[in-house]
Amino acid sequence: MTWDMQALDSGPIPLWFQIANRLRDSIEHGEFKPGDALPSEAKLNEVFGVSRTTARASLDRLEQEGLITRRSGKGSIVLSPRVEQPLNMLAGFAEDMRRRGLEPSYELQSARITPVSSEVAEALGLADGAPAFCVKRLLKADGVSIAISEAWIPMGVFDKGEPPSPEALGSNSLYAWQEDKYGAKIVGGHEFIEAAIASKSLAASLGIPAKSAMLVARRRSHGADGAPIEYAIMRYRADRYRFRIDLVRQ
């Protein structure tokens, strides 16, 4: 059943809520695909005989859920589904995306040996200002920007070898590279997640408006001996990424 084939219920469920449910179902069943425009407020008014305020409220709800974006002159555009990350699973970006049937890619922004900040020093067990290898990359899934990654690796991981080349960082998983090249296999870690607002520069890199909502994850990963291998700061687009945790009541 398409979104406009049945009249709204006159019961206690708000009309805007019913319209939002209709449109959401149509998106989930492929009637509206990513990049398509949803019916305008005027069209919703015409089909359901509701006020402009009611029609706007239904579209506002879908925007809040990250299903659409509202663009001046273009209407309500359907977004690609959010990438969902289980909180109890530790995986590199490439591994995570491929498991979901998405193609990961990277855009290298910088890669250099540089002194660590106090935050990084504490996470990696280094002295303030000690050198570490820092990699900043734009992470994409099926060509869509998902996050900015800032990964810090202690120099001890490389033993007497060299850090990865720009070519490797532009095409490979950092986790896989560390394990294959130096046997630095990440087996566990801990992560803190918080909300933040995108700065102008971050927003420009991710292709979102300045001051958009973001999710920031700070992860310290370690090897089998418990020694830190990486400290990463991941800044995700909140409209394209979310975390999931499965709860069990004891």
C-alpha atoms as a PDB file:
ATOM      1  CA  MET A   1       0.000   0.000   0.000  1.00  0.00           C
ATOM      2  CA  THR A   2       1.402   3.379  -1.008  1.00  0.00           C
ATOM      3  CA  TRP A   3       1.501   6.304   1.418  1.00  0.00           C
ATOM      4  CA  ASP A   4      -1.575   8.095  -0.018  1.00  0.00           C
ATOM      5  CA  MET A   5      -4.004   5.224  -0.692  1.00  0.00           C
ATOM      6  CA  GLN A   6      -5.872   5.299   2.621  1.00  0.00           C
ATOM      7  CA  ALA A   7      -7.450   8.068   4.686  1.00  0.00           C
ATOM      8  CA  LEU A   8      -6.039   8.911   8.079  1.00  0.00           C
ATOM      9  CA  ASP A   9      -7.598   7.449  11.215  1.00  0.00           C
ATOM     10  CA  SER A  10      -9.837   9.855  13.126  1.00  0.00           C
ATOM     11  CA  GLY A  11      -8.934   8.198  16.448  1.00  0.00           C
ATOM     12  CA  PRO A  12      -6.595   9.409  19.204  1.00  0.00           C
ATOM     13  CA  ILE A  13      -3.328   9.050  17.241  1.00  0.00           C
ATOM     14  CA  PRO A  14      -2.176  12.528  16.101  1.00  0.00           C
ATOM     15  CA  LEU A  15      -2.502  13.137  12.380  1.00  0.00           C
ATOM     16  CA  TRP A  16       1.102  14.287  12.000  1.00  0.00           C
ATOM     17  CA  PHE A  17       2.244  11.039  13.642  1.00  0.00           C
ATOM     18  CA  GLN A  18       0.167   8.954  11.226  1.00  0.00           C
ATOM     19  CA  ILE A  19       1.557  10.812   8.203  1.00  0.00           C
ATOM     20  CA  ALA A  20       5.113  10.378   9.471  1.00  0.00           C
ATOM     21  CA  ASN A  21       4.473   6.625   9.894  1.00  0.00           C
ATOM     22  CA  ARG A  22       3.113   6.366   6.341  1.00  0.00           C
ATOM     23  CA  LEU A  23       6.113   8.131   4.848  1.00  0.00           C
ATOM     24  CA  ARG A  24       8.573   6.178   7.012  1.00  0.00           C
ATOM     25  CA  ASP A  25       7.049   2.877   5.869  1.00  0.00           C
ATOM     26  CA  SER A  26       7.271   4.012   2.249  1.00  0.00           C
ATOM     27  CA  ILE A  27      10.961   4.821   2.693  1.00  0.00           C
ATOM     28  CA  GLU A  28      11.651   1.463   4.355  1.00  0.00           C
ATOM     29  CA  HIS A  29       9.852  -0.421   1.564  1.00  0.00           C
ATOM     30  CA  GLY A  30      11.654   1.433  -1.219  1.00  0.00           C
ATOM     31  CA  GLU A  31       8.802   3.572  -2.523  1.00  0.00           C
ATOM     32  CA  PHE A  32      11.067   6.544  -1.826  1.00  0.00           C
ATOM     33  CA  LYS A  33      14.769   5.845  -2.347  1.00  0.00           C
ATOM     34  CA  PRO A  34      17.843   7.786  -1.174  1.00  0.00           C
ATOM     35  CA  GLY A  35      17.974  11.050  -3.105  1.00  0.00           C
ATOM     36  CA  ASP A  36      14.215  11.108  -3.809  1.00  0.00           C
ATOM     37  CA  ALA A  37      12.059  14.001  -2.630  1.00  0.00           C
ATOM     38  CA  LEU A  38       9.129  13.281  -0.324  1.00  0.00           C
ATOM     39  CA  PRO A  39       5.751  14.891  -0.980  1.00  0.00           C
ATOM     40  CA  SER A  40       5.773  18.598  -0.149  1.00  0.00           C
ATOM     41  CA  GLU A  41       3.819  20.136   2.717  1.00  0.00           C
ATOM     42  CA  ALA A  42       1.349  21.424   0.137  1.00  0.00           C
ATOM     43  CA  LYS A  43       0.913  17.913  -1.311  1.00  0.00           C
ATOM     44  CA  LEU A  44       0.334  16.447   2.164  1.00  0.00           C
ATOM     45  CA  ASN A  45      -2.247  19.152   2.821  1.00  0.00           C
ATOM     46  CA  GLU A  46      -4.008  18.290  -0.432  1.00  0.00           C
ATOM     47  CA  VAL A  47      -4.008  14.508   0.079  1.00  0.00           C
ATOM     48  CA  PHE A  48      -4.952  14.369   3.761  1.00  0.00           C
ATOM     49  CA  GLY A  49      -6.803  17.645   4.266  1.00  0.00           C
ATOM     50  CA  VAL A  50      -4.531  18.672   7.156  1.00  0.00           C
ATOM     51  CA  SER A  51      -3.065  22.015   8.087  1.00  0.00           C
ATOM     52  CA  ARG A  52       0.353  23.155   6.948  1.00  0.00           C
ATOM     53  CA  THR A  53       1.508  22.939  10.583  1.00  0.00           C
ATOM     54  CA  THR A  54       0.471  19.264  10.766  1.00  0.00           C
ATOM     55  CA  ALA A  55       2.226  18.445   7.488  1.00  0.00           C
ATOM     56  CA  ARG A  56       5.384  20.244   8.635  1.00  0.00           C
ATOM     57  CA  ALA A  57       5.350  18.373  11.966  1.00  0.00           C
ATOM     58  CA  SER A  58       5.316  15.014  10.179  1.00  0.00           C
ATOM     59  CA  LEU A  59       8.332  15.955   8.054  1.00  0.00           C
ATOM     60  CA  ASP A  60      10.093  17.426  11.081  1.00  0.00           C
ATOM     61  CA  ARG A  61       9.798  14.046  12.812  1.00  0.00           C
ATOM     62  CA  LEU A  62      11.426  12.229   9.874  1.00  0.00           C
ATOM     63  CA  GLU A  63      14.217  14.799   9.826  1.00  0.00           C
ATOM     64  CA  GLN A  64      14.792  14.303  13.572  1.00  0.00           C
ATOM     65  CA  GLU A  65      15.074  10.553  12.945  1.00  0.00           C
ATOM     66  CA  GLY A  66      17.769  11.129  10.323  1.00  0.00           C
ATOM     67  CA  LEU A  67      15.646   9.774   7.462  1.00  0.00           C
ATOM     68  CA  ILE A  68      15.467  12.995   5.433  1.00  0.00           C
ATOM     69  CA  THR A  69      17.170  16.339   5.067  1.00  0.00           C
ATOM     70  CA  ARG A  70      15.284  19.563   4.346  1.00  0.00           C
ATOM     71  CA  ARG A  71      16.848  21.613   1.557  1.00  0.00           C
ATOM     72  CA  SER A  72      15.674  25.039   0.508  1.00  0.00           C
ATOM     73  CA  GLY A  73      14.279  24.897  -3.002  1.00  0.00           C
ATOM     74  CA  LYS A  74      14.548  21.087  -3.170  1.00  0.00           C
ATOM     75  CA  GLY A  75      12.183  19.873  -0.461  1.00  0.00           C
ATOM     76  CA  SER A  76      12.564  16.883   1.856  1.00  0.00           C
ATOM     77  CA  ILE A  77      15.256  14.567   0.461  1.00  0.00           C
ATOM     78  CA  VAL A  78      15.521  10.925   1.562  1.00  0.00           C
ATOM     79  CA  LEU A  79      18.911  10.047   3.048  1.00  0.00           C
ATOM     80  CA  SER A  80      20.776   6.756   2.861  1.00  0.00           C
ATOM     81  CA  PRO A  81      20.212   4.533   5.931  1.00  0.00           C
ATOM     82  CA  ARG A  82      22.374   5.277   8.964  1.00  0.00           C
ATOM     83  CA  VAL A  83      25.334   3.068   9.654  1.00  0.00           C
ATOM     84  CA  GLU A  84      24.799   1.346  13.007  1.00  0.00           C
ATOM     85  CA  GLN A  85      27.669   0.247  15.255  1.00  0.00           C
ATOM     86  CA  PRO A  86      27.073  -2.229  18.125  1.00  0.00           C
ATOM     87  CA  LEU A  87      28.785  -0.859  21.208  1.00  0.00           C
ATOM     88  CA  ASN A  88      30.124  -4.244  22.274  1.00  0.00           C
ATOM     89  CA  MET A  89      31.981  -4.859  19.007  1.00  0.00           C
ATOM     90  CA  LEU A  90      35.530  -3.671  18.327  1.00  0.00           C
ATOM     91  CA  ALA A  91      36.252  -3.463  14.603  1.00  0.00           C
ATOM     92  CA  GLY A  92      38.163  -1.287  12.185  1.00  0.00           C
ATOM     93  CA  PHE A  93      36.171   0.999   9.906  1.00  0.00           C
ATOM     94  CA  ALA A  94      36.802  -1.051   6.757  1.00  0.00           C
ATOM     95  CA  GLU A  95      35.872  -4.319   8.452  1.00  0.00           C
ATOM     96  CA  ASP A  96      32.730  -2.765   9.894  1.00  0.00           C
ATOM     97  CA  MET A  97      31.566  -1.272   6.584  1.00  0.00           C
ATOM     98  CA  ARG A  98      32.198  -4.428   4.546  1.00  0.00           C
ATOM     99  CA  ARG A  99      30.221  -6.463   7.055  1.00  0.00           C
ATOM    100  CA  ARG A 100      27.264  -4.203   6.241  1.00  0.00           C
ATOM    101  CA  GLY A 101      27.698  -4.550   2.489  1.00  0.00           C
ATOM    102  CA  LEU A 102      29.155  -1.038   2.123  1.00  0.00           C
ATOM    103  CA  GLU A 103      32.390  -0.147   0.359  1.00  0.00           C
ATOM    104  CA  PRO A 104      34.826   1.739   2.612  1.00  0.00           C
ATOM    105  CA  SER A 105      37.198   4.369   1.307  1.00  0.00           C
ATOM    106  CA  TYR A 106      39.557   6.923   2.808  1.00  0.00           C
ATOM    107  CA  GLU A 107      40.705  10.432   2.062  1.00  0.00           C
ATOM    108  CA  LEU A 108      44.034  11.094   3.745  1.00  0.00           C
ATOM    109  CA  GLN A 109      44.275  14.533   5.323  1.00  0.00           C
ATOM    110  CA  SER A 110      47.614  14.230   7.126  1.00  0.00           C
ATOM    111  CA  ALA A 111      50.082  11.612   8.379  1.00  0.00           C
ATOM    112  CA  ARG A 112      53.119  12.593  10.415  1.00  0.00           C
ATOM    113  CA  ILE A 113      55.181  12.005  13.517  1.00  0.00           C
ATOM    114  CA  THR A 114      54.297  14.759  15.988  1.00  0.00           C
ATOM    115  CA  PRO A 115      54.364  15.456  19.752  1.00  0.00           C
ATOM    116  CA  VAL A 116      51.344  14.115  21.636  1.00  0.00           C
ATOM    117  CA  SER A 117      48.898  16.203  23.646  1.00  0.00           C
ATOM    118  CA  SER A 118      48.239  15.511  27.320  1.00  0.00           C
ATOM    119  CA  GLU A 119      45.084  13.573  26.399  1.00  0.00           C
ATOM    120  CA  VAL A 120      46.919  11.285  23.986  1.00  0.00           C
ATOM    121  CA  ALA A 121      49.908  10.904  26.313  1.00  0.00           C
ATOM    122  CA  GLU A 122      47.689   9.677  29.145  1.00  0.00           C
ATOM    123  CA  ALA A 123      45.854   7.234  26.875  1.00  0.00           C
ATOM    124  CA  LEU A 124      49.022   5.740  25.408  1.00  0.00           C
ATOM    125  CA  GLY A 125      51.128   5.840  28.567  1.00  0.00           C
ATOM    126  CA  LEU A 126      53.615   8.318  27.089  1.00  0.00           C
ATOM    127  CA  ALA A 127      55.279  11.429  28.451  1.00  0.00           C
ATOM    128  CA  ASP A 128      53.728  14.755  27.457  1.00  0.00           C
ATOM    129  CA  GLY A 129      55.187  15.863  24.150  1.00  0.00           C
ATOM    130  CA  ALA A 130      56.604  12.426  23.261  1.00  0.00           C
ATOM    131  CA  PRO A 131      56.527  11.614  19.534  1.00  0.00           C
ATOM    132  CA  ALA A 132      53.776   9.466  18.047  1.00  0.00           C
ATOM    133  CA  PHE A 133      52.481   8.784  14.561  1.00  0.00           C
ATOM    134  CA  CYS A 134      49.242  10.692  13.911  1.00  0.00           C
ATOM    135  CA  VAL A 135      46.928   9.896  10.991  1.00  0.00           C
ATOM    136  CA  LYS A 136      43.910  12.032  10.077  1.00  0.00           C
ATOM    137  CA  ARG A 137      41.534  10.645   7.478  1.00  0.00           C
ATOM    138  CA  LEU A 138      38.068  11.263   6.114  1.00  0.00           C
ATOM    139  CA  LEU A 139      36.161   7.963   6.236  1.00  0.00           C
ATOM    140  CA  LYS A 140      33.528   7.171   3.618  1.00  0.00           C
ATOM    141  CA  ALA A 141      30.982   4.412   3.008  1.00  0.00           C
ATOM    142  CA  ASP A 142      29.830   3.955  -0.601  1.00  0.00           C
ATOM    143  CA  GLY A 143      31.364   7.347  -1.314  1.00  0.00           C
ATOM    144  CA  VAL A 144      29.410   9.149   1.432  1.00  0.00           C
ATOM    145  CA  SER A 145      31.386  10.914   4.169  1.00  0.00           C
ATOM    146  CA  ILE A 146      30.776   9.274   7.540  1.00  0.00           C
ATOM    147  CA  ALA A 147      33.467  10.462   9.940  1.00  0.00           C
ATOM    148  CA  ILE A 148      36.798  12.140  10.543  1.00  0.00           C
ATOM    149  CA  SER A 149      39.338   9.826  12.168  1.00  0.00           C
ATOM    150  CA  GLU A 150      42.341  11.022  14.174  1.00  0.00           C
ATOM    151  CA  ALA A 151      44.454   8.003  15.133  1.00  0.00           C
ATOM    152  CA  TRP A 152      47.588   8.123  17.298  1.00  0.00           C
ATOM    153  CA  ILE A 153      50.024   5.198  17.282  1.00  0.00           C
ATOM    154  CA  PRO A 154      53.009   4.976  19.678  1.00  0.00           C
ATOM    155  CA  MET A 155      56.334   4.722  17.900  1.00  0.00           C
ATOM    156  CA  GLY A 156      57.095   1.450  19.677  1.00  0.00           C
ATOM    157  CA  VAL A 157      54.491  -0.277  17.500  1.00  0.00           C
ATOM    158  CA  PHE A 158      56.730   0.186  14.459  1.00  0.00           C
ATOM    159  CA  ASP A 159      59.739  -1.338  16.191  1.00  0.00           C
ATOM    160  CA  LYS A 160      62.530  -0.535  13.731  1.00  0.00           C
ATOM    161  CA  GLY A 161      60.304  -0.243  10.698  1.00  0.00           C
ATOM    162  CA  GLU A 162      58.564   2.648   9.016  1.00  0.00           C
ATOM    163  CA  PRO A 163      55.048   4.042   9.501  1.00  0.00           C
ATOM    164  CA  PRO A 164      52.566   3.368   6.682  1.00  0.00           C
ATOM    165  CA  SER A 165      52.981   5.267   3.426  1.00  0.00           C
ATOM    166  CA  PRO A 166      50.385   7.780   2.183  1.00  0.00           C
ATOM    167  CA  GLU A 167      49.409   5.230  -0.487  1.00  0.00           C
ATOM    168  CA  ALA A 168      48.675   2.571   2.140  1.00  0.00           C
ATOM    169  CA  LEU A 169      46.719   5.010   4.290  1.00  0.00           C
ATOM    170  CA  GLY A 170      44.612   6.065   1.337  1.00  0.00           C
ATOM    171  CA  SER A 171      43.457   2.549   0.556  1.00  0.00           C
ATOM    172  CA  ASN A 172      43.866   0.232   3.553  1.00  0.00           C
ATOM    173  CA  SER A 173      42.523  -0.408   7.030  1.00  0.00           C
ATOM    174  CA  LEU A 174      44.933   0.903   9.654  1.00  0.00           C
ATOM    175  CA  TYR A 175      44.078  -2.058  11.917  1.00  0.00           C
ATOM    176  CA  ALA A 176      44.864  -4.559   9.158  1.00  0.00           C
ATOM    177  CA  TRP A 177      48.068  -2.751   8.197  1.00  0.00           C
ATOM    178  CA  GLN A 178      49.382  -2.750  11.774  1.00  0.00           C
ATOM    179  CA  GLU A 179      48.635  -6.446  12.193  1.00  0.00           C
ATOM    180  CA  ASP A 180      50.031  -7.546   8.832  1.00  0.00           C
ATOM    181  CA  LYS A 181      53.179  -5.416   8.947  1.00  0.00           C
ATOM    182  CA  TYR A 182      54.158  -5.490  12.614  1.00  0.00           C
ATOM    183  CA  GLY A 183      51.990  -8.146  14.236  1.00  0.00           C
ATOM    184  CA  ALA A 184      50.302  -5.463  16.345  1.00  0.00           C
ATOM    185  CA  LYS A 185      46.914  -7.144  16.622  1.00  0.00           C
ATOM    186  CA  ILE A 186      44.244  -5.198  18.488  1.00  0.00           C
ATOM    187  CA  VAL A 187      42.259  -7.524  20.744  1.00  0.00           C
ATOM    188  CA  GLY A 188      40.349  -5.119  22.971  1.00  0.00           C
ATOM    189  CA  GLY A 189      39.903  -1.606  24.235  1.00  0.00           C
ATOM    190  CA  HIS A 190      37.551   0.845  25.813  1.00  0.00           C
ATOM    191  CA  GLU A 191      35.615   3.708  24.325  1.00  0.00           C
ATOM    192  CA  PHE A 192      33.863   6.850  25.503  1.00  0.00           C
ATOM    193  CA  ILE A 193      31.110   8.426  23.395  1.00  0.00           C
ATOM    194  CA  GLU A 194      29.741  11.945  23.735  1.00  0.00           C
ATOM    195  CA  ALA A 195      27.750  14.501  21.791  1.00  0.00           C
ATOM    196  CA  ALA A 196      29.367  17.523  20.182  1.00  0.00           C
ATOM    197  CA  ILE A 197      28.748  20.317  17.696  1.00  0.00           C
ATOM    198  CA  ALA A 198      30.644  20.386  14.400  1.00  0.00           C
ATOM    199  CA  SER A 199      33.127  23.218  13.988  1.00  0.00           C
ATOM    200  CA  LYS A 200      33.202  25.081  10.692  1.00  0.00           C
ATOM    201  CA  SER A 201      36.243  23.165   9.441  1.00  0.00           C
ATOM    202  CA  LEU A 202      34.903  19.738  10.480  1.00  0.00           C
ATOM    203  CA  ALA A 203      31.529  20.509   8.952  1.00  0.00           C
ATOM    204  CA  ALA A 204      33.171  21.487   5.662  1.00  0.00           C
ATOM    205  CA  SER A 205      35.144  18.214   5.565  1.00  0.00           C
ATOM    206  CA  LEU A 206      32.040  16.129   6.246  1.00  0.00           C
ATOM    207  CA  GLY A 207      29.738  18.090   3.954  1.00  0.00           C
ATOM    208  CA  ILE A 208      27.299  19.133   6.675  1.00  0.00           C
ATOM    209  CA  PRO A 209      26.171  22.541   7.966  1.00  0.00           C
ATOM    210  CA  ALA A 210      28.329  24.165  10.636  1.00  0.00           C
ATOM    211  CA  LYS A 211      27.096  23.523  14.193  1.00  0.00           C
ATOM    212  CA  SER A 212      25.476  20.223  13.153  1.00  0.00           C
ATOM    213  CA  ALA A 213      25.226  17.501  15.796  1.00  0.00           C
ATOM    214  CA  MET A 214      28.088  15.010  15.943  1.00  0.00           C
ATOM    215  CA  LEU A 215      28.997  11.883  17.862  1.00  0.00           C
ATOM    216  CA  VAL A 216      32.547  11.782  19.188  1.00  0.00           C
ATOM    217  CA  ALA A 217      34.085   8.441  20.177  1.00  0.00           C
ATOM    218  CA  ARG A 218      37.438   8.262  21.961  1.00  0.00           C
ATOM    219  CA  ARG A 219      38.897   4.751  21.827  1.00  0.00           C
ATOM    220  CA  ARG A 220      42.014   3.297  23.424  1.00  0.00           C
ATOM    221  CA  SER A 221      42.873  -0.064  21.844  1.00  0.00           C
ATOM    222  CA  HIS A 222      45.372  -2.598  23.189  1.00  0.00           C
ATOM    223  CA  GLY A 223      47.101  -5.820  22.192  1.00  0.00           C
ATOM    224  CA  ALA A 224      47.104  -9.213  23.886  1.00  0.00           C
ATOM    225  CA  ASP A 225      49.680  -8.029  26.432  1.00  0.00           C
ATOM    226  CA  GLY A 226      47.495  -5.071  27.430  1.00  0.00           C
ATOM    227  CA  ALA A 227      49.890  -2.503  25.991  1.00  0.00           C
ATOM    228  CA  PRO A 228      48.193   0.356  24.093  1.00  0.00           C
ATOM    229  CA  ILE A 229      48.439   0.144  20.312  1.00  0.00           C
ATOM    230  CA  GLU A 230      46.269   3.055  19.259  1.00  0.00           C
ATOM    231  CA  TYR A 231      44.302   5.996  20.588  1.00  0.00           C
ATOM    232  CA  ALA A 232      41.652   7.188  18.146  1.00  0.00           C
ATOM    233  CA  ILE A 233      39.265  10.120  18.154  1.00  0.00           C
ATOM    234  CA  MET A 234      36.379   9.534  15.754  1.00  0.00           C
ATOM    235  CA  ARG A 235      33.993  12.365  14.903  1.00  0.00           C
ATOM    236  CA  TYR A 236      30.872  10.963  13.253  1.00  0.00           C
ATOM    237  CA  ARG A 237      28.042  12.663  11.420  1.00  0.00           C
ATOM    238  CA  ALA A 238      25.050  12.125  13.710  1.00  0.00           C
ATOM    239  CA  ASP A 239      22.714  11.944  10.707  1.00  0.00           C
ATOM    240  CA  ARG A 240      24.681   9.071   9.152  1.00  0.00           C
ATOM    241  CA  TYR A 241      25.909   7.050  12.108  1.00  0.00           C
ATOM    242  CA  ARG A 242      24.560   5.738  15.378  1.00  0.00           C
ATOM    243  CA  PHE A 243      25.633   3.326  18.101  1.00  0.00           C
ATOM    244  CA  ARG A 244      23.588   0.388  19.382  1.00  0.00           C
ATOM    245  CA  ILE A 245      23.844  -1.478  22.653  1.00  0.00           C
ATOM    246  CA  ASP A 246      22.012  -4.711  23.420  1.00  0.00           C
ATOM    247  CA  LEU A 247      20.764  -4.836  26.994  1.00  0.00           C
ATOM    248  CA  VAL A 248      19.878  -7.843  29.127  1.00  0.00           C
ATOM    249  CA  ARG A 249      17.879  -7.576  32.323  1.00  0.00           C
ATOM    250  CA  GLN A 250      19.418  -9.645  35.121  1.00  0.00           C
END
